[in-house]
Amino acid sequence: MMNFLLGATAGALIACVGTITALRNPDLQVRLGLRPSVVAAAPAPRPPEPACPPPVVEHSVGSTEMLLSPRRFWSIAPDKRPQ
């Protein structure tokens, strides 16, 4: 009998804590009518995008010539001299 009373008390306590926690959620409060719904305000206008300077084109880094240049492979190119 004591186990039943302790279990019922613990279950009731867990149910109360769960209900109180759920009711603290603002969305649930609006759905249950406990709090009036807040009308969404118009979104604030976005600030204009900052003007970025044009990119500096530099051929030393990131160009196709950097990756596929024949000068880059001079040390591993096959020797074309007759043997």
Protein backbone atom coordinates (compact mmCIF):
# COMPACT_ATOMS: atom_id res chain seq x y z
CA MET A 1 0.00 0.00 0.00
CA MET A 2 2.87 2.34 0.80
CA ASN A 3 4.39 1.68 -2.65
CA PHE A 4 1.10 2.69 -4.26
CA LEU A 5 0.94 5.95 -2.29
CA LEU A 6 4.58 6.83 -3.03
CA GLY A 7 4.13 5.99 -6.72
CA ALA A 8 0.93 8.01 -6.98
CA THR A 9 2.54 10.97 -5.24
CA ALA A 10 5.61 10.81 -7.48
CA GLY A 11 3.44 10.49 -10.59
CA ALA A 12 1.29 13.45 -9.55
CA LEU A 13 4.39 15.52 -8.86
CA ILE A 14 5.88 14.66 -12.25
CA ALA A 15 2.58 15.50 -13.97
CA CYS A 16 2.39 18.87 -12.18
CA VAL A 17 5.96 19.80 -13.07
CA GLY A 18 5.38 18.77 -16.69
CA THR A 19 2.17 20.79 -16.92
CA ILE A 20 3.71 23.88 -15.38
CA THR A 21 6.72 23.61 -17.68
CA ALA A 22 4.51 23.21 -20.75
CA LEU A 23 2.29 26.14 -19.77
CA ARG A 24 5.30 28.42 -19.51
CA ASN A 25 5.78 28.04 -23.27
CA PRO A 26 4.42 31.23 -24.93
CA ASP A 27 3.12 29.37 -28.01
CA LEU A 28 1.08 27.03 -25.84
CA GLN A 29 -0.28 29.94 -23.83
CA VAL A 30 -1.55 31.57 -27.03
CA ARG A 31 -3.14 28.29 -28.24
CA LEU A 32 -4.94 27.79 -24.93
CA GLY A 33 -6.13 31.40 -24.88
CA LEU A 34 -4.21 32.29 -21.74
CA ARG A 35 -2.43 35.13 -23.50
CA PRO A 36 -3.61 37.19 -26.50
CA SER A 37 -1.71 36.56 -29.69
CA VAL A 38 0.84 39.15 -30.64
CA VAL A 39 0.33 40.58 -34.09
CA ALA A 40 3.56 40.30 -35.97
CA ALA A 41 4.99 43.68 -36.77
CA ALA A 42 6.13 44.48 -40.28
CA PRO A 43 9.72 43.38 -40.78
CA ALA A 44 12.25 46.14 -40.50
CA PRO A 45 13.67 47.26 -43.82
CA ARG A 46 17.01 45.75 -44.62
CA PRO A 47 19.98 48.07 -44.71
CA PRO A 48 21.49 48.45 -48.16
CA GLU A 49 24.22 46.02 -49.05
CA PRO A 50 27.68 47.54 -48.67
CA ALA A 51 29.41 48.26 -51.93
CA CYS A 52 32.39 45.95 -52.21
CA PRO A 53 35.43 47.03 -54.16
CA PRO A 54 36.03 45.11 -57.37
CA PRO A 55 38.22 42.06 -56.87
CA VAL A 56 41.88 42.50 -57.60
CA VAL A 57 42.89 40.10 -60.36
CA GLU A 58 46.29 38.75 -59.60
CA HIS A 59 47.63 35.94 -61.75
CA SER A 60 50.06 34.64 -59.18
CA VAL A 61 47.48 32.88 -56.97
CA GLY A 62 44.39 30.90 -57.96
CA SER A 63 44.71 31.10 -61.71
CA THR A 64 44.49 28.20 -64.13
CA GLU A 65 48.00 28.96 -65.26
CA MET A 66 49.23 28.31 -61.73
CA LEU A 67 47.88 24.76 -61.74
CA LEU A 68 48.51 23.72 -65.32
CA SER A 69 51.62 25.63 -66.21
CA PRO A 70 54.20 23.58 -68.14
CA ARG A 71 56.92 25.35 -66.15
CA ARG A 72 55.55 23.80 -62.98
CA PHE A 73 56.14 20.25 -64.22
CA TRP A 74 59.63 20.76 -65.62
CA SER A 75 61.23 18.49 -63.07
CA ILE A 76 58.92 15.54 -63.77
CA ALA A 77 58.56 15.94 -67.53
CA PRO A 78 59.88 12.90 -69.42
CA ASP A 79 63.24 13.34 -71.05
CA LYS A 80 62.72 13.54 -74.80
CA ARG A 81 66.36 12.92 -75.69
CA PRO A 82 67.12 9.66 -77.43
CA GLN A 83 68.87 7.15 -75.25
